Protein backbone atom coordinates (compact mmCIF):
# COMPACT_ATOMS: atom_id res chain seq x y z
CA UNK A 1 0.00 -0.02 -0.12
CA UNK A 2 2.90 2.37 0.70
CA UNK A 3 4.03 2.20 -2.99
CA UNK A 4 0.53 3.07 -4.04
CA UNK A 5 0.42 6.25 -1.82
CA UNK A 6 3.91 7.14 -3.11
CA UNK A 7 2.75 6.76 -6.60
CA UNK A 8 -0.32 8.94 -6.03
CA UNK A 9 1.90 11.73 -4.35
CA UNK A 10 4.46 11.59 -7.26
CA UNK A 11 1.61 11.95 -9.79
CA UNK A 12 0.06 14.91 -7.92
CA UNK A 13 3.66 16.53 -7.95
CA UNK A 14 4.11 15.81 -11.47
CA UNK A 15 0.74 17.22 -12.32
CA UNK A 16 1.57 20.34 -10.25
CA UNK A 17 4.75 20.79 -12.16
CA UNK A 18 2.96 20.52 -15.49
CA UNK A 19 0.42 23.06 -14.51
CA UNK A 20 3.11 25.28 -13.32
CA UNK A 21 4.94 25.12 -16.62
CA UNK A 22 1.78 26.13 -18.32
CA UNK A 23 1.00 28.96 -16.04
CA UNK A 24 4.53 30.25 -16.68
CA UNK A 25 4.03 29.90 -20.57
CA UNK A 26 0.99 31.96 -20.29
CA UNK A 27 2.71 34.60 -18.12
CA UNK A 28 5.66 35.10 -20.48
CA UNK A 29 3.46 35.15 -23.59
CA UNK A 30 1.19 37.86 -21.91
CA UNK A 31 3.97 39.91 -20.72
CA UNK A 32 5.71 39.79 -24.19
CA UNK A 33 2.42 40.92 -25.99
CA UNK A 34 2.86 37.76 -28.29
CA UNK A 35 -0.89 37.26 -28.76
CA UNK A 36 -0.69 34.04 -30.96
CA UNK A 37 1.55 32.52 -28.28
CA UNK A 38 -0.70 34.02 -25.47
CA UNK A 39 -3.81 32.30 -27.01
CA UNK A 40 -2.02 28.79 -27.54
CA UNK A 41 -0.81 28.92 -24.00
CA UNK A 42 -4.26 29.58 -22.62
CA UNK A 43 -5.62 26.76 -24.81
CA UNK A 44 -2.83 24.64 -23.43
CA UNK A 45 -3.67 25.47 -19.86
CA UNK A 46 -7.26 24.84 -20.59
CA UNK A 47 -6.40 21.41 -21.80
CA UNK A 48 -4.46 20.44 -18.52
CA UNK A 49 -7.08 21.79 -16.20
CA UNK A 50 -10.38 20.96 -18.15
CA UNK A 51 -11.18 18.17 -15.86
CA UNK A 52 -11.51 20.48 -12.94
CA UNK A 53 -14.29 22.26 -14.65
CA UNK A 54 -17.79 21.87 -13.17
CA UNK A 55 -20.53 20.25 -15.29
CA UNK A 56 -23.99 21.66 -15.56
CA UNK A 57 -26.07 20.16 -12.83
CA UNK A 58 -29.35 18.79 -14.02
CA UNK A 59 -32.14 19.50 -11.69
CA UNK A 60 -35.52 18.18 -13.01
CA UNK A 61 -37.41 20.22 -10.45
CA UNK A 62 -36.26 23.62 -11.74
CA UNK A 63 -36.13 23.76 -15.61
CA UNK A 64 -35.42 27.45 -15.63
CA UNK A 65 -32.12 27.10 -13.81
CA UNK A 66 -31.29 24.17 -15.95
CA UNK A 67 -31.73 26.46 -19.03
CA UNK A 68 -29.96 29.51 -17.82
CA UNK A 69 -27.16 28.05 -15.75
CA UNK A 70 -24.06 27.36 -17.82
CA UNK A 71 -21.31 24.77 -17.20
CA UNK A 72 -17.84 26.14 -16.84
CA UNK A 73 -16.92 24.53 -20.21
CA UNK A 74 -19.72 26.68 -21.84
CA UNK A 75 -18.62 29.71 -20.14
CA UNK A 76 -14.93 29.11 -21.27
CA UNK A 77 -16.08 28.41 -24.88
CA UNK A 78 -17.85 31.78 -24.95
CA UNK A 79 -14.94 33.60 -23.77
CA UNK A 80 -12.82 31.65 -26.29
CA UNK A 81 -15.17 32.44 -29.28
CA UNK A 82 -15.27 36.16 -28.23
CA UNK A 83 -11.49 36.20 -28.09
CA UNK A 84 -11.13 34.76 -31.52
CA UNK A 85 -13.71 37.10 -33.18
CA UNK A 86 -11.82 40.16 -31.64
CA UNK A 87 -8.40 38.56 -32.72
CA UNK A 88 -9.71 37.87 -36.31
CA UNK A 89 -11.26 41.54 -36.26
CA UNK A 90 -7.83 43.06 -35.31
CA UNK A 91 -5.66 40.51 -37.01
CA UNK A 92 -2.82 43.03 -37.79
CA UNK A 93 -2.49 43.74 -33.99
CA UNK A 94 -2.73 40.09 -33.20
CA UNK A 95 -0.03 39.02 -35.39
CA UNK A 96 2.09 42.08 -34.04
CA UNK A 97 2.12 43.92 -37.43
CA UNK A 98 0.58 47.17 -35.89
CA UNK A 99 0.06 48.62 -32.41
CA UNK A 100 -3.26 50.46 -32.33
CA UNK A 101 -3.85 51.03 -28.58
CA UNK A 102 -7.63 50.39 -28.81
CA UNK A 103 -7.22 47.00 -30.64
CA UNK A 104 -4.44 46.10 -28.24
CA UNK A 105 -6.85 46.80 -25.42
CA UNK A 106 -9.57 44.74 -27.03
CA UNK A 107 -7.35 41.77 -27.59
CA UNK A 108 -5.66 41.78 -24.14
CA UNK A 109 -9.01 42.21 -22.45
CA UNK A 110 -10.46 39.27 -24.19
CA UNK A 111 -7.40 37.09 -23.45
CA UNK A 112 -7.31 38.38 -19.88
CA UNK A 113 -10.78 37.32 -19.49
CA UNK A 114 -10.03 33.74 -20.53
CA UNK A 115 -6.97 33.64 -18.24
CA UNK A 116 -8.94 35.01 -15.24
CA UNK A 117 -11.66 32.52 -15.75
CA UNK A 118 -9.10 29.57 -15.80
CA UNK A 119 -7.65 31.05 -12.54
CA UNK A 120 -11.07 31.07 -11.13
CA UNK A 121 -11.97 27.53 -11.93
CA UNK A 122 -8.39 26.39 -10.73
CA UNK A 123 -9.01 28.37 -7.39
CA UNK A 124 -12.55 27.00 -7.00
CA UNK A 125 -10.98 23.43 -7.45
CA UNK A 126 -8.45 24.27 -4.69
CA UNK A 127 -5.52 23.79 -7.06
CA UNK A 128 -3.62 26.57 -5.34
CA UNK A 129 -4.17 24.78 -1.88
CA UNK A 130 -7.20 24.68 0.48
CA UNK A 131 -6.34 28.05 1.98
CA UNK A 132 -4.92 30.14 -0.76
CA UNK A 133 -6.92 33.26 -1.03
CA UNK A 134 -4.63 35.13 -3.73
CA UNK A 135 -3.46 37.39 -0.85
CA UNK A 136 -0.14 37.81 0.60
CA UNK A 137 2.94 39.10 -0.99
């Protein structure tokens, strides 16, 4: 049994390392204003943490809630679709060919919304620890 516990601990540690690498990639791309890389890094992070997303709960007694309450996956997909539409509309900024401040703001806002949502899901899943509140430092 001790080997099973060691393996589970090792896998949790490896998963934490993988998530950390992805978080670092997102940060580096964001700080470098490399929007194609930023978007790919967000998508990669989503792939790694998607299993932590909450599914839509089906409650037969309350059809209105069932229809209006969206799952985390649906919420992320909406943010993703919006970001893609904005990036396509302002493709020269997205590709780093121009630097129109209004367009940069729109792209960065859309990508940051995706990033903040991923952090919210990760925090809600206690991926930062049971007592992490974003405070400190």
